Amino acid sequence: MADKAAAIVAGLGGAGNIEDIEACITRLRTEVADPGKVDEAALKAAGAHGVLVSGKVVQVVVGPEADTLTDDINDLLD
């Protein structure tokens, strides 16, 4: 799952672009510094079922593994 987490971080524009991330049932709810750096195709290639972007808020639909992925991503960001 760490490889998937790393791919999602890259798709969100890298660790430096992620300001906040939390799990919300089946989604990763993130706030990014620069929405222009988000690569929706890369996120889908990493296994996302969908991506919703609204301003600086990006929701990545990943299914029931959202909690585990959030933990793995937070490990990468620390």
PDB file of N, CA and C in Angstrom:
ATOM      1  N   MET A   1       0.833  -1.204   0.000  1.00  0.00           N
ATOM      2  CA  MET A   1       0.000   0.000   0.000  1.00  0.00           C
ATOM      3  C   MET A   1       0.866   1.253   0.000  1.00  0.00           C
ATOM      4  N   ALA A   2       2.121   1.127   0.442  1.00  0.00           N
ATOM      5  CA  ALA A   2       3.013   2.296   0.472  1.00  0.00           C
ATOM      6  C   ALA A   2       3.293   2.819  -0.937  1.00  0.00           C
ATOM      7  N   ASP A   3       3.379   1.915  -1.919  1.00  0.00           N
ATOM      8  CA  ASP A   3       3.599   2.348  -3.307  1.00  0.00           C
ATOM      9  C   ASP A   3       2.414   3.159  -3.807  1.00  0.00           C
ATOM     10  N   LYS A   4       1.210   2.723  -3.463  1.00  0.00           N
ATOM     11  CA  LYS A   4       0.001   3.441  -3.869  1.00  0.00           C
ATOM     12  C   LYS A   4      -0.039   4.805  -3.194  1.00  0.00           C
ATOM     13  N   ALA A   5       0.327   4.856  -1.923  1.00  0.00           N
ATOM     14  CA  ALA A   5       0.361   6.127  -1.191  1.00  0.00           C
ATOM     15  C   ALA A   5       1.347   7.083  -1.843  1.00  0.00           C
ATOM     16  N   ALA A   6       2.519   6.582  -2.213  1.00  0.00           N
ATOM     17  CA  ALA A   6       3.529   7.427  -2.858  1.00  0.00           C
ATOM     18  C   ALA A   6       3.035   7.941  -4.204  1.00  0.00           C
ATOM     19  N   ALA A   7       2.329   7.096  -4.954  1.00  0.00           N
ATOM     20  CA  ALA A   7       1.791   7.509  -6.249  1.00  0.00           C
ATOM     21  C   ALA A   7       0.717   8.582  -6.075  1.00  0.00           C
ATOM     22  N   ILE A   8      -0.073   8.469  -5.015  1.00  0.00           N
ATOM     23  CA  ILE A   8      -1.104   9.474  -4.746  1.00  0.00           C
ATOM     24  C   ILE A   8      -0.461  10.792  -4.341  1.00  0.00           C
ATOM     25  N   VAL A   9       0.569  10.736  -3.515  1.00  0.00           N
ATOM     26  CA  VAL A   9       1.289  11.959  -3.135  1.00  0.00           C
ATOM     27  C   VAL A   9       1.827  12.652  -4.390  1.00  0.00           C
ATOM     28  N   ALA A  10       2.422  11.876  -5.288  1.00  0.00           N
ATOM     29  CA  ALA A  10       2.949  12.451  -6.531  1.00  0.00           C
ATOM     30  C   ALA A  10       1.825  13.073  -7.364  1.00  0.00           C
ATOM     31  N   GLY A  11       0.683  12.390  -7.442  1.00  0.00           N
ATOM     32  CA  GLY A  11      -0.448  12.895  -8.205  1.00  0.00           C
ATOM     33  C   GLY A  11      -1.046  14.167  -7.625  1.00  0.00           C
ATOM     34  N   LEU A  12      -0.863  14.341  -6.326  1.00  0.00           N
ATOM     35  CA  LEU A  12      -1.352  15.555  -5.665  1.00  0.00           C
ATOM     36  C   LEU A  12      -0.347  16.706  -5.767  1.00  0.00           C
ATOM     37  N   GLY A  13       0.720  16.494  -6.517  1.00  0.00           N
ATOM     38  CA  GLY A  13       1.693  17.564  -6.725  1.00  0.00           C
ATOM     39  C   GLY A  13       2.901  17.481  -5.815  1.00  0.00           C
ATOM     40  N   GLY A  14       3.058  16.360  -5.122  1.00  0.00           N
ATOM     41  CA  GLY A  14       4.205  16.175  -4.234  1.00  0.00           C
ATOM     42  C   GLY A  14       3.888  16.556  -2.805  1.00  0.00           C
ATOM     43  N   ALA A  15       4.745  16.109  -1.907  1.00  0.00           N
ATOM     44  CA  ALA A  15       4.533  16.333  -0.478  1.00  0.00           C
ATOM     45  C   ALA A  15       4.433  17.817  -0.128  1.00  0.00           C
ATOM     46  N   GLY A  16       5.211  18.636  -0.808  1.00  0.00           N
ATOM     47  CA  GLY A  16       5.207  20.067  -0.512  1.00  0.00           C
ATOM     48  C   GLY A  16       3.930  20.770  -0.921  1.00  0.00           C
ATOM     49  N   ASN A  17       3.121  20.121  -1.762  1.00  0.00           N
ATOM     50  CA  ASN A  17       1.869  20.730  -2.211  1.00  0.00           C
ATOM     51  C   ASN A  17       0.692  20.359  -1.311  1.00  0.00           C
ATOM     52  N   ILE A  18       0.861  19.357  -0.459  1.00  0.00           N
ATOM     53  CA  ILE A  18      -0.230  18.881   0.398  1.00  0.00           C
ATOM     54  C   ILE A  18      -0.207  19.645   1.715  1.00  0.00           C
ATOM     55  N   GLU A  19      -1.259  20.410   1.967  1.00  0.00           N
ATOM     56  CA  GLU A  19      -1.361  21.175   3.208  1.00  0.00           C
ATOM     57  C   GLU A  19      -2.088  20.398   4.302  1.00  0.00           C
ATOM     58  N   ASP A  20      -3.050  19.562   3.908  1.00  0.00           N
ATOM     59  CA  ASP A  20      -3.824  18.787   4.884  1.00  0.00           C
ATOM     60  C   ASP A  20      -4.415  17.578   4.174  1.00  0.00           C
ATOM     61  N   ILE A  21      -4.534  16.468   4.900  1.00  0.00           N
ATOM     62  CA  ILE A  21      -5.169  15.278   4.336  1.00  0.00           C
ATOM     63  C   ILE A  21      -5.875  14.536   5.451  1.00  0.00           C
ATOM     64  N   GLU A  22      -7.078  14.058   5.146  1.00  0.00           N
ATOM     65  CA  GLU A  22      -7.824  13.254   6.105  1.00  0.00           C
ATOM     66  C   GLU A  22      -8.681  12.259   5.346  1.00  0.00           C
ATOM     67  N   ALA A  23      -9.011  11.156   6.012  1.00  0.00           N
ATOM     68  CA  ALA A  23      -9.874  10.145   5.414  1.00  0.00           C
ATOM     69  C   ALA A  23     -11.323  10.499   5.708  1.00  0.00           C
ATOM     70  N   CYS A  24     -12.172  10.284   4.725  1.00  0.00           N
ATOM     71  CA  CYS A  24     -13.603  10.530   4.888  1.00  0.00           C
ATOM     72  C   CYS A  24     -14.342   9.356   4.237  1.00  0.00           C
ATOM     73  N   ILE A  25     -14.549   8.314   4.976  1.00  0.00           N
ATOM     74  CA  ILE A  25     -15.210   7.073   4.566  1.00  0.00           C
ATOM     75  C   ILE A  25     -14.490   6.429   3.380  1.00  0.00           C
ATOM     76  N   THR A  26     -14.794   6.841   2.150  1.00  0.00           N
ATOM     77  CA  THR A  26     -14.173   6.223   0.967  1.00  0.00           C
ATOM     78  C   THR A  26     -13.295   7.197   0.196  1.00  0.00           C
ATOM     79  N   ARG A  27     -13.019   8.343   0.792  1.00  0.00           N
ATOM     80  CA  ARG A  27     -12.267   9.383   0.080  1.00  0.00           C
ATOM     81  C   ARG A  27     -11.101   9.894   0.903  1.00  0.00           C
ATOM     82  N   LEU A  28     -10.122  10.403   0.181  1.00  0.00           N
ATOM     83  CA  LEU A  28      -9.057  11.173   0.809  1.00  0.00           C
ATOM     84  C   LEU A  28      -9.421  12.628   0.556  1.00  0.00           C
ATOM     85  N   ARG A  29      -9.691  13.358   1.615  1.00  0.00           N
ATOM     86  CA  ARG A  29     -10.024  14.772   1.467  1.00  0.00           C
ATOM     87  C   ARG A  29      -8.738  15.548   1.737  1.00  0.00           C
ATOM     88  N   THR A  30      -8.268  16.255   0.741  1.00  0.00           N
ATOM     89  CA  THR A  30      -7.003  16.965   0.865  1.00  0.00           C
ATOM     90  C   THR A  30      -7.170  18.444   0.566  1.00  0.00           C
ATOM     91  N   GLU A  31      -6.274  19.228   1.137  1.00  0.00           N
ATOM     92  CA  GLU A  31      -6.167  20.637   0.772  1.00  0.00           C
ATOM     93  C   GLU A  31      -4.759  20.820   0.230  1.00  0.00           C
ATOM     94  N   VAL A  32      -4.673  21.414  -0.960  1.00  0.00           N
ATOM     95  CA  VAL A  32      -3.376  21.592  -1.606  1.00  0.00           C
ATOM     96  C   VAL A  32      -3.045  23.073  -1.736  1.00  0.00           C
ATOM     97  N   ALA A  33      -1.768  23.365  -1.814  1.00  0.00           N
ATOM     98  CA  ALA A  33      -1.321  24.758  -1.963  1.00  0.00           C
ATOM     99  C   ALA A  33      -1.604  25.266  -3.371  1.00  0.00           C
ATOM    100  N   ASP A  34      -1.353  24.415  -4.382  1.00  0.00           N
ATOM    101  CA  ASP A  34      -1.516  24.815  -5.778  1.00  0.00           C
ATOM    102  C   ASP A  34      -2.311  23.749  -6.526  1.00  0.00           C
ATOM    103  N   PRO A  35      -3.618  23.984  -6.744  1.00  0.00           N
ATOM    104  CA  PRO A  35      -4.436  22.985  -7.445  1.00  0.00           C
ATOM    105  C   PRO A  35      -3.938  22.694  -8.860  1.00  0.00           C
ATOM    106  N   GLY A  36      -3.182  23.597  -9.455  1.00  0.00           N
ATOM    107  CA  GLY A  36      -2.647  23.387 -10.794  1.00  0.00           C
ATOM    108  C   GLY A  36      -1.624  22.262 -10.869  1.00  0.00           C
ATOM    109  N   LYS A  37      -1.071  21.877  -9.734  1.00  0.00           N
ATOM    110  CA  LYS A  37      -0.078  20.797  -9.696  1.00  0.00           C
ATOM    111  C   LYS A  37      -0.723  19.418  -9.585  1.00  0.00           C
ATOM    112  N   VAL A  38      -2.032  19.364  -9.368  1.00  0.00           N
ATOM    113  CA  VAL A  38      -2.728  18.082  -9.216  1.00  0.00           C
ATOM    114  C   VAL A  38      -2.878  17.426 -10.589  1.00  0.00           C
ATOM    115  N   ASP A  39      -2.468  16.176 -10.679  1.00  0.00           N
ATOM    116  CA  ASP A  39      -2.523  15.416 -11.931  1.00  0.00           C
ATOM    117  C   ASP A  39      -3.598  14.338 -11.785  1.00  0.00           C
ATOM    118  N   GLU A  40      -4.807  14.648 -12.276  1.00  0.00           N
ATOM    119  CA  GLU A  40      -5.932  13.724 -12.122  1.00  0.00           C
ATOM    120  C   GLU A  40      -5.656  12.386 -12.808  1.00  0.00           C
ATOM    121  N   ALA A  41      -5.021  12.405 -13.968  1.00  0.00           N
ATOM    122  CA  ALA A  41      -4.714  11.156 -14.677  1.00  0.00           C
ATOM    123  C   ALA A  41      -3.772  10.287 -13.848  1.00  0.00           C
ATOM    124  N   ALA A  42      -2.794  10.907 -13.199  1.00  0.00           N
ATOM    125  CA  ALA A  42      -1.855  10.146 -12.362  1.00  0.00           C
ATOM    126  C   ALA A  42      -2.574   9.560 -11.148  1.00  0.00           C
ATOM    127  N   LEU A  43      -3.505  10.315 -10.581  1.00  0.00           N
ATOM    128  CA  LEU A  43      -4.263   9.808  -9.429  1.00  0.00           C
ATOM    129  C   LEU A  43      -5.112   8.610  -9.840  1.00  0.00           C
ATOM    130  N   LYS A  44      -5.726   8.676 -11.004  1.00  0.00           N
ATOM    131  CA  LYS A  44      -6.531   7.543 -11.480  1.00  0.00           C
ATOM    132  C   LYS A  44      -5.639   6.358 -11.806  1.00  0.00           C
ATOM    133  N   ALA A  45      -4.454   6.619 -12.355  1.00  0.00           N
ATOM    134  CA  ALA A  45      -3.504   5.538 -12.636  1.00  0.00           C
ATOM    135  C   ALA A  45      -3.028   4.879 -11.343  1.00  0.00           C
ATOM    136  N   ALA A  46      -3.034   5.644 -10.243  1.00  0.00           N
ATOM    137  CA  ALA A  46      -2.621   5.114  -8.940  1.00  0.00           C
ATOM    138  C   ALA A  46      -3.733   4.303  -8.282  1.00  0.00           C
ATOM    139  N   GLY A  47      -4.910   4.278  -8.910  1.00  0.00           N
ATOM    140  CA  GLY A  47      -6.003   3.462  -8.377  1.00  0.00           C
ATOM    141  C   GLY A  47      -7.213   4.232  -7.900  1.00  0.00           C
ATOM    142  N   ALA A  48      -7.212   5.553  -8.045  1.00  0.00           N
ATOM    143  CA  ALA A  48      -8.371   6.348  -7.630  1.00  0.00           C
ATOM    144  C   ALA A  48      -9.548   6.045  -8.554  1.00  0.00           C
ATOM    145  N   HIS A  49     -10.722   5.934  -7.957  1.00  0.00           N
ATOM    146  CA  HIS A  49     -11.938   5.698  -8.739  1.00  0.00           C
ATOM    147  C   HIS A  49     -12.474   6.998  -9.325  1.00  0.00           C
ATOM    148  N   GLY A  50     -12.090   8.100  -8.702  1.00  0.00           N
ATOM    149  CA  GLY A  50     -12.530   9.409  -9.163  1.00  0.00           C
ATOM    150  C   GLY A  50     -11.785  10.499  -8.428  1.00  0.00           C
ATOM    151  N   VAL A  51     -11.808  11.702  -8.997  1.00  0.00           N
ATOM    152  CA  VAL A  51     -11.134  12.853  -8.401  1.00  0.00           C
ATOM    153  C   VAL A  51     -12.062  14.046  -8.540  1.00  0.00           C
ATOM    154  N   LEU A  52     -12.295  14.744  -7.431  1.00  0.00           N
ATOM    155  CA  LEU A  52     -13.122  15.949  -7.447  1.00  0.00           C
ATOM    156  C   LEU A  52     -12.267  17.104  -6.962  1.00  0.00           C
ATOM    157  N   VAL A  53     -12.189  18.167  -7.749  1.00  0.00           N
ATOM    158  CA  VAL A  53     -11.388  19.337  -7.386  1.00  0.00           C
ATOM    159  C   VAL A  53     -12.317  20.533  -7.267  1.00  0.00           C
ATOM    160  N   SER A  54     -12.250  21.210  -6.130  1.00  0.00           N
ATOM    161  CA  SER A  54     -13.031  22.420  -5.908  1.00  0.00           C
ATOM    162  C   SER A  54     -12.121  23.426  -5.222  1.00  0.00           C
ATOM    163  N   GLY A  55     -11.548  24.323  -6.008  1.00  0.00           N
ATOM    164  CA  GLY A  55     -10.584  25.273  -5.443  1.00  0.00           C
ATOM    165  C   GLY A  55      -9.359  24.531  -4.976  1.00  0.00           C
ATOM    166  N   LYS A  56      -9.007  24.720  -3.703  1.00  0.00           N
ATOM    167  CA  LYS A  56      -7.821  24.063  -3.140  1.00  0.00           C
ATOM    168  C   LYS A  56      -8.137  22.708  -2.512  1.00  0.00           C
ATOM    169  N   VAL A  57      -9.413  22.335  -2.509  1.00  0.00           N
ATOM    170  CA  VAL A  57      -9.824  21.056  -1.925  1.00  0.00           C
ATOM    171  C   VAL A  57      -9.905  20.005  -3.025  1.00  0.00           C
ATOM    172  N   VAL A  58      -9.205  18.893  -2.793  1.00  0.00           N
ATOM    173  CA  VAL A  58      -9.200  17.788  -3.738  1.00  0.00           C
ATOM    174  C   VAL A  58      -9.666  16.542  -2.996  1.00  0.00           C
ATOM    175  N   GLN A  59     -10.699  15.895  -3.533  1.00  0.00           N
ATOM    176  CA  GLN A  59     -11.163  14.636  -2.958  1.00  0.00           C
ATOM    177  C   GLN A  59     -10.793  13.522  -3.918  1.00  0.00           C
ATOM    178  N   VAL A  60     -10.092  12.539  -3.391  1.00  0.00           N
ATOM    179  CA  VAL A  60      -9.657  11.393  -4.181  1.00  0.00           C
ATOM    180  C   VAL A  60     -10.454  10.183  -3.698  1.00  0.00           C
ATOM    181  N   VAL A  61     -11.294   9.638  -4.566  1.00  0.00           N
ATOM    182  CA  VAL A  61     -12.146   8.505  -4.205  1.00  0.00           C
ATOM    183  C   VAL A  61     -11.325   7.221  -4.340  1.00  0.00           C
ATOM    184  N   VAL A  62     -11.080   6.556  -3.199  1.00  0.00           N
ATOM    185  CA  VAL A  62     -10.226   5.366  -3.191  1.00  0.00           C
ATOM    186  C   VAL A  62     -10.926   4.124  -2.645  1.00  0.00           C
ATOM    187  N   GLY A  63     -12.138   4.266  -2.154  1.00  0.00           N
ATOM    188  CA  GLY A  63     -12.846   3.124  -1.598  1.00  0.00           C
ATOM    189  C   GLY A  63     -12.535   2.935  -0.124  1.00  0.00           C
ATOM    190  N   PRO A  64     -12.801   1.727   0.401  1.00  0.00           N
ATOM    191  CA  PRO A  64     -12.691   1.474   1.837  1.00  0.00           C
ATOM    192  C   PRO A  64     -11.270   1.526   2.397  1.00  0.00           C
ATOM    193  N   GLU A  65     -10.269   1.642   1.551  1.00  0.00           N
ATOM    194  CA  GLU A  65      -8.888   1.710   2.038  1.00  0.00           C
ATOM    195  C   GLU A  65      -8.458   3.139   2.382  1.00  0.00           C
ATOM    196  N   ALA A  66      -9.390   4.077   2.414  1.00  0.00           N
ATOM    197  CA  ALA A  66      -9.058   5.484   2.651  1.00  0.00           C
ATOM    198  C   ALA A  66      -8.299   5.696   3.959  1.00  0.00           C
ATOM    199  N   ASP A  67      -8.734   5.038   5.042  1.00  0.00           N
ATOM    200  CA  ASP A  67      -8.057   5.218   6.335  1.00  0.00           C
ATOM    201  C   ASP A  67      -6.614   4.743   6.290  1.00  0.00           C
ATOM    202  N   THR A  68      -6.402   3.573   5.719  1.00  0.00           N
ATOM    203  CA  THR A  68      -5.049   3.017   5.630  1.00  0.00           C
ATOM    204  C   THR A  68      -4.158   3.889   4.755  1.00  0.00           C
ATOM    205  N   LEU A  69      -4.699   4.326   3.617  1.00  0.00           N
ATOM    206  CA  LEU A  69      -3.917   5.187   2.729  1.00  0.00           C
ATOM    207  C   LEU A  69      -3.565   6.507   3.396  1.00  0.00           C
ATOM    208  N   THR A  70      -4.490   7.070   4.160  1.00  0.00           N
ATOM    209  CA  THR A  70      -4.207   8.326   4.866  1.00  0.00           C
ATOM    210  C   THR A  70      -3.053   8.133   5.835  1.00  0.00           C
ATOM    211  N   ASP A  71      -3.053   7.026   6.566  1.00  0.00           N
ATOM    212  CA  ASP A  71      -1.952   6.737   7.491  1.00  0.00           C
ATOM    213  C   ASP A  71      -0.630   6.621   6.736  1.00  0.00           C
ATOM    214  N   ASP A  72      -0.647   5.893   5.616  1.00  0.00           N
ATOM    215  CA  ASP A  72       0.574   5.711   4.828  1.00  0.00           C
ATOM    216  C   ASP A  72       1.066   7.038   4.259  1.00  0.00           C
ATOM    217  N   ILE A  73       0.137   7.879   3.792  1.00  0.00           N
ATOM    218  CA  ILE A  73       0.518   9.181   3.239  1.00  0.00           C
ATOM    219  C   ILE A  73       1.077  10.078   4.330  1.00  0.00           C
ATOM    220  N   ASN A  74       0.456  10.064   5.502  1.00  0.00           N
ATOM    221  CA  ASN A  74       0.972  10.877   6.609  1.00  0.00           C
ATOM    222  C   ASN A  74       2.373  10.419   7.011  1.00  0.00           C
ATOM    223  N   ASP A  75       2.651   9.117   6.932  1.00  0.00           N
ATOM    224  CA  ASP A  75       4.005   8.615   7.202  1.00  0.00           C
ATOM    225  C   ASP A  75       4.995   9.194   6.198  1.00  0.00           C
ATOM    226  N   LEU A  76       4.575   9.286   4.933  1.00  0.00           N
ATOM    227  CA  LEU A  76       5.451   9.846   3.898  1.00  0.00           C
ATOM    228  C   LEU A  76       5.669  11.350   4.095  1.00  0.00           C
ATOM    229  N   LEU A  77       4.662  12.050   4.619  1.00  0.00           N
ATOM    230  CA  LEU A  77       4.755  13.491   4.785  1.00  0.00           C
ATOM    231  C   LEU A  77       5.560  13.892   6.014  1.00  0.00           C
ATOM    232  N   ASP A  78       5.675  12.994   6.977  1.00  0.00           N
ATOM    233  CA  ASP A  78       6.416  13.322   8.222  1.00  0.00           C
ATOM    234  C   ASP A  78       7.898  13.370   8.020  1.00  0.00           C
TER     235      ASP A  78
END
